[in-house]
Amino acid sequence: MKKIICLFLTVTMAFCALTGCGKKPDTELITAAAELQAQCGELASYIDSGLSQGYITQEDKDKFDSFAEKLEAVINGEDSDTTLEELENIKDELAVLASKCAAPNDVVDSLTDDGADEANAAAESDNGEAADNENNLGNEGSAVSNGEGAQQSAEENKPAPTLSNDFNKLINDFMELQNEASRKVDMGDVSMDDYTALLEAGTDLASLKEQAEANGETDEIKQKAAEVKSTIHDIAGKMGSSLADNFK
């Protein structure tokens, strides 16, 4: 969540700066650059450490610095030629550098599209090996009783809380409204203040979604969700959006 909030602040500051200069911000490009910039921030210390330990060369370090400078220029509106495809290439290059400098697996995985799939596969493999080991121990006279084993199995198989239809609808409606606002802010039909307020409400909603998925929709979460929904309704009304009624 901390990373999401930092990314949100970076994007918002970029939008405000570009709007103040009379430029129309490219929402998708700036968001992609800001996300990569945040990942560069996580990687920077490992790049320095990798250079000092001989894992990477000075040329690798210079390449990393050039990527960071380009991302900063894109976010500040000083580089209008860079494309989303180029940013994707930079991400791939950063993944290579992260691997070379011996960065932690989660940092490397965050820069690869298949990182999550590999992590899930590894987790499933580990779970399978653990299950085999438990069976072997049981056959050899494990100290774990049948009752304790059954209780542990029940806990492991306990389904994660699922979001209600109302909560899912709120999220889907917000995403639709955000897409509309993104288009309108580029055309000057929505003020930057209203767009920023909408993004802030979206950050609150994302936090509530994480909590609900972890602990279920408690009364406190439902109350806060209702307050966020009311805030979004007011913003949608100021935008003149036909989606405003979805947040009543």
Protein backbone atom coordinates (compact mmCIF):
# COMPACT_ATOMS: atom_id res chain seq x y z
CA MET A 1 0.00 0.00 0.00
CA LYS A 2 2.88 2.38 0.76
CA LYS A 3 4.16 1.85 -2.80
CA ILE A 4 0.69 2.59 -4.22
CA ILE A 5 0.43 5.83 -2.26
CA CYS A 6 3.92 6.96 -3.34
CA LEU A 7 3.04 6.16 -6.95
CA PHE A 8 -0.21 8.09 -6.62
CA LEU A 9 1.60 11.15 -5.24
CA THR A 10 4.18 11.05 -8.04
CA VAL A 11 1.52 10.89 -10.73
CA THR A 12 -0.56 13.62 -9.12
CA MET A 13 2.41 15.98 -8.83
CA ALA A 14 3.29 15.34 -12.48
CA PHE A 15 -0.27 16.08 -13.61
CA CYS A 16 -0.38 19.28 -11.59
CA ALA A 17 3.00 20.46 -12.95
CA LEU A 18 2.07 19.76 -16.56
CA THR A 19 -1.35 21.35 -16.23
CA GLY A 20 0.26 24.45 -14.74
CA CYS A 21 2.52 24.64 -17.78
CA GLY A 22 -0.46 24.44 -20.09
CA LYS A 23 0.45 20.94 -21.32
CA LYS A 24 -1.98 18.05 -21.57
CA PRO A 25 -0.59 15.12 -19.56
CA ASP A 26 -0.49 11.67 -21.16
CA THR A 27 -2.12 9.78 -18.29
CA GLU A 28 -1.10 6.28 -19.34
CA LEU A 29 2.50 7.20 -20.17
CA ILE A 30 3.08 9.16 -16.95
CA THR A 31 1.54 6.43 -14.80
CA ALA A 32 3.75 3.78 -16.42
CA ALA A 33 6.85 5.97 -15.99
CA ALA A 34 5.99 6.71 -12.36
CA GLU A 35 5.58 3.01 -11.62
CA LEU A 36 8.98 2.27 -13.15
CA GLN A 37 10.51 5.17 -11.21
CA ALA A 38 9.21 3.65 -7.97
CA GLN A 39 10.77 0.32 -8.93
CA CYS A 40 14.05 2.10 -9.71
CA GLY A 41 13.94 3.54 -6.21
CA GLU A 42 13.70 0.04 -4.75
CA LEU A 43 16.52 -1.19 -6.98
CA ALA A 44 18.95 1.72 -6.49
CA SER A 45 20.62 0.48 -3.30
CA TYR A 46 21.18 -2.98 -4.81
CA ILE A 47 22.72 -1.41 -7.90
CA ASP A 48 25.21 0.49 -5.71
CA SER A 49 25.93 -2.63 -3.67
CA GLY A 50 26.29 -4.75 -6.81
CA LEU A 51 28.81 -2.30 -8.27
CA SER A 52 30.93 -2.24 -5.11
CA GLN A 53 30.94 -6.06 -4.93
CA GLY A 54 31.77 -6.50 -8.61
CA TYR A 55 28.45 -8.05 -9.64
CA ILE A 56 27.89 -5.29 -12.21
CA THR A 57 30.16 -2.89 -14.10
CA GLN A 58 30.27 0.91 -14.12
CA GLU A 59 28.66 0.69 -17.56
CA ASP A 60 25.71 -1.13 -15.99
CA LYS A 61 25.46 1.57 -13.31
CA ASP A 62 25.56 4.32 -15.96
CA LYS A 63 22.79 2.56 -17.88
CA PHE A 64 20.65 2.41 -14.73
CA ASP A 65 21.25 6.12 -14.08
CA SER A 66 20.28 6.98 -17.66
CA PHE A 67 17.02 5.06 -17.28
CA ALA A 68 16.24 6.94 -14.05
CA GLU A 69 16.92 10.28 -15.77
CA LYS A 70 14.70 9.38 -18.73
CA LEU A 71 11.82 8.37 -16.46
CA GLU A 72 12.15 11.64 -14.54
CA ALA A 73 12.05 13.56 -17.84
CA VAL A 74 8.92 11.70 -18.97
CA ILE A 75 7.15 12.38 -15.69
CA ASN A 76 8.09 16.09 -15.79
CA GLY A 77 6.92 16.44 -19.41
CA GLU A 78 10.44 17.14 -20.65
CA ASP A 79 10.48 14.04 -22.88
CA SER A 80 7.48 13.77 -25.19
CA ASP A 81 9.08 11.30 -27.61
CA THR A 82 9.28 8.25 -25.35
CA THR A 83 6.60 5.62 -26.00
CA LEU A 84 4.98 2.95 -23.85
CA GLU A 85 6.90 0.33 -25.84
CA GLU A 86 10.19 2.01 -24.90
CA LEU A 87 9.16 2.02 -21.25
CA GLU A 88 8.46 -1.70 -21.50
CA ASN A 89 11.96 -2.19 -22.92
CA ILE A 90 13.41 -0.19 -20.04
CA LYS A 91 11.53 -2.42 -17.61
CA ASP A 92 13.07 -5.50 -19.24
CA GLU A 93 16.54 -3.95 -19.01
CA LEU A 94 15.97 -3.12 -15.35
CA ALA A 95 14.97 -6.74 -14.70
CA VAL A 96 18.29 -7.88 -16.18
CA LEU A 97 20.23 -5.39 -14.04
CA ALA A 98 18.28 -6.45 -10.93
CA SER A 99 19.25 -10.05 -11.54
CA LYS A 100 22.91 -9.20 -12.22
CA CYS A 101 23.30 -7.15 -9.04
CA ALA A 102 21.80 -9.96 -6.92
CA ALA A 103 18.70 -8.02 -5.89
CA PRO A 104 16.11 -9.97 -3.84
CA ASN A 105 13.70 -12.18 -5.77
CA ASP A 106 10.69 -9.97 -5.05
CA VAL A 107 12.47 -6.97 -6.60
CA VAL A 108 13.41 -8.97 -9.70
CA ASP A 109 9.92 -10.48 -9.96
CA SER A 110 8.30 -7.05 -9.80
CA LEU A 111 10.07 -6.19 -13.05
CA THR A 112 9.06 -9.36 -14.91
CA ASP A 113 5.58 -10.07 -16.26
CA ASP A 114 5.79 -13.73 -15.30
CA GLY A 115 7.22 -13.09 -11.83
CA ALA A 116 3.92 -13.72 -10.10
CA ASP A 117 3.34 -16.96 -12.03
CA GLU A 118 6.81 -18.23 -11.11
CA ALA A 119 6.24 -17.35 -7.46
CA ASN A 120 2.92 -19.20 -7.43
CA ALA A 121 4.49 -22.24 -9.10
CA ALA A 122 7.31 -22.27 -6.54
CA ALA A 123 4.81 -21.97 -3.70
CA GLU A 124 2.76 -24.88 -5.07
CA SER A 125 5.93 -26.96 -5.42
CA ASP A 126 6.94 -26.19 -1.84
CA ASN A 127 3.47 -27.09 -0.58
CA GLY A 128 3.63 -30.39 -2.46
CA GLU A 129 7.01 -31.27 -0.98
CA ALA A 130 5.80 -30.32 2.49
CA ALA A 131 2.77 -32.58 2.09
CA ASP A 132 5.00 -35.51 1.03
CA ASN A 133 7.28 -34.94 4.01
CA GLU A 134 4.32 -34.89 6.38
CA ASN A 135 3.05 -38.18 4.94
CA ASN A 136 6.47 -39.78 5.39
CA LEU A 137 6.70 -38.58 8.96
CA GLY A 138 3.22 -39.92 9.65
CA ASN A 139 4.13 -43.34 8.34
CA GLU A 140 7.20 -43.41 10.57
CA GLY A 141 5.28 -42.52 13.73
CA SER A 142 4.88 -38.75 13.75
CA ALA A 143 4.05 -37.14 17.07
CA VAL A 144 1.23 -35.16 15.48
CA SER A 145 -2.12 -36.71 16.38
CA ASN A 146 -4.89 -37.29 13.88
CA GLY A 147 -6.97 -34.63 15.60
CA GLU A 148 -4.25 -32.00 15.33
CA GLY A 149 -3.58 -32.90 11.71
CA ALA A 150 -7.26 -32.59 10.84
CA GLN A 151 -7.47 -29.18 12.53
CA GLN A 152 -4.40 -27.93 10.63
CA SER A 153 -5.82 -29.21 7.35
CA ALA A 154 -9.13 -27.47 8.01
CA GLU A 155 -7.35 -24.18 8.71
CA GLU A 156 -5.27 -24.46 5.52
CA ASN A 157 -8.34 -25.22 3.44
CA LYS A 158 -10.42 -22.43 4.94
CA PRO A 159 -11.53 -20.24 2.01
CA ALA A 160 -10.42 -16.62 1.93
CA PRO A 161 -13.17 -14.03 2.46
CA THR A 162 -14.94 -13.07 -0.75
CA LEU A 163 -16.22 -9.59 -1.54
CA SER A 164 -19.95 -9.03 -1.67
CA ASN A 165 -21.70 -8.16 -4.92
CA ASP A 166 -22.25 -4.61 -3.65
CA PHE A 167 -18.54 -4.13 -2.92
CA ASN A 168 -17.52 -5.56 -6.28
CA LYS A 169 -20.03 -3.28 -8.01
CA LEU A 170 -18.63 -0.27 -6.18
CA ILE A 171 -15.11 -1.12 -7.38
CA ASN A 172 -16.24 -1.72 -10.97
CA ASP A 173 -18.25 1.51 -11.01
CA PHE A 174 -15.28 3.43 -9.67
CA MET A 175 -12.95 2.03 -12.33
CA GLU A 176 -15.43 3.06 -15.03
CA LEU A 177 -15.68 6.55 -13.54
CA GLN A 178 -11.89 6.84 -13.26
CA ASN A 179 -11.49 5.92 -16.93
CA GLU A 180 -14.04 8.58 -17.85
CA ALA A 181 -12.30 11.16 -15.67
CA SER A 182 -8.92 10.27 -17.20
CA ARG A 183 -10.23 10.99 -20.67
CA LYS A 184 -11.96 14.20 -19.62
CA VAL A 185 -8.99 15.62 -17.72
CA ASP A 186 -6.88 15.23 -20.87
CA MET A 187 -9.47 17.27 -22.78
CA GLY A 188 -9.80 19.89 -20.04
CA ASP A 189 -13.40 18.91 -19.21
CA VAL A 190 -12.52 17.86 -15.66
CA SER A 191 -10.46 20.01 -13.30
CA MET A 192 -7.22 18.69 -11.86
CA ASP A 193 -8.58 19.27 -8.34
CA ASP A 194 -11.56 17.01 -9.00
CA TYR A 195 -9.38 14.38 -10.66
CA THR A 196 -6.93 14.41 -7.75
CA ALA A 197 -9.82 14.07 -5.27
CA LEU A 198 -11.11 11.10 -7.25
CA LEU A 199 -7.69 9.40 -7.18
CA GLU A 200 -7.50 9.94 -3.42
CA ALA A 201 -10.92 8.30 -3.02
CA GLY A 202 -9.65 5.44 -5.18
CA THR A 203 -6.64 4.99 -2.89
CA ASP A 204 -9.00 4.76 0.11
CA LEU A 205 -11.18 2.26 -1.74
CA ALA A 206 -8.14 0.11 -2.64
CA SER A 207 -7.11 0.04 1.02
CA LEU A 208 -10.60 -1.06 2.09
CA LYS A 209 -10.59 -3.77 -0.57
CA GLU A 210 -7.32 -5.19 0.80
CA GLN A 211 -8.73 -5.21 4.32
CA ALA A 212 -11.99 -6.84 3.23
CA GLU A 213 -10.17 -9.55 1.29
CA ALA A 214 -8.02 -10.28 4.34
CA ASN A 215 -10.59 -10.06 7.15
CA GLY A 216 -14.01 -10.00 5.50
CA GLU A 217 -16.40 -7.06 5.26
CA THR A 218 -16.65 -5.96 8.87
CA ASP A 219 -19.10 -3.30 10.02
CA GLU A 220 -16.25 -0.80 10.18
CA ILE A 221 -15.19 -1.54 6.60
CA LYS A 222 -18.80 -1.27 5.39
CA GLN A 223 -19.15 2.11 7.11
CA LYS A 224 -15.93 3.46 5.61
CA ALA A 225 -16.89 2.11 2.18
CA ALA A 226 -20.19 3.97 2.42
CA GLU A 227 -18.32 7.19 3.24
CA VAL A 228 -15.96 6.74 0.28
CA LYS A 229 -18.94 5.98 -1.96
CA SER A 230 -20.59 9.23 -0.89
CA THR A 231 -17.40 11.16 -1.62
CA ILE A 232 -17.17 9.60 -5.08
CA HIS A 233 -20.83 10.50 -5.71
CA ASP A 234 -20.12 14.16 -4.99
CA ILE A 235 -17.06 14.19 -7.29
CA ALA A 236 -18.97 12.42 -10.07
CA GLY A 237 -21.71 15.03 -9.74
CA LYS A 238 -19.19 17.88 -10.11
CA MET A 239 -17.81 16.14 -13.19
CA GLY A 240 -21.29 16.00 -14.67
CA SER A 241 -20.93 12.24 -15.08
CA SER A 242 -23.93 10.03 -15.85
CA LEU A 243 -22.35 7.49 -13.50
CA ALA A 244 -23.02 9.66 -10.45
CA ASP A 245 -26.28 7.83 -9.67
CA ASN A 246 -24.31 4.58 -9.26
CA PHE A 247 -22.80 6.00 -6.07
CA LYS A 248 -25.99 7.11 -4.32
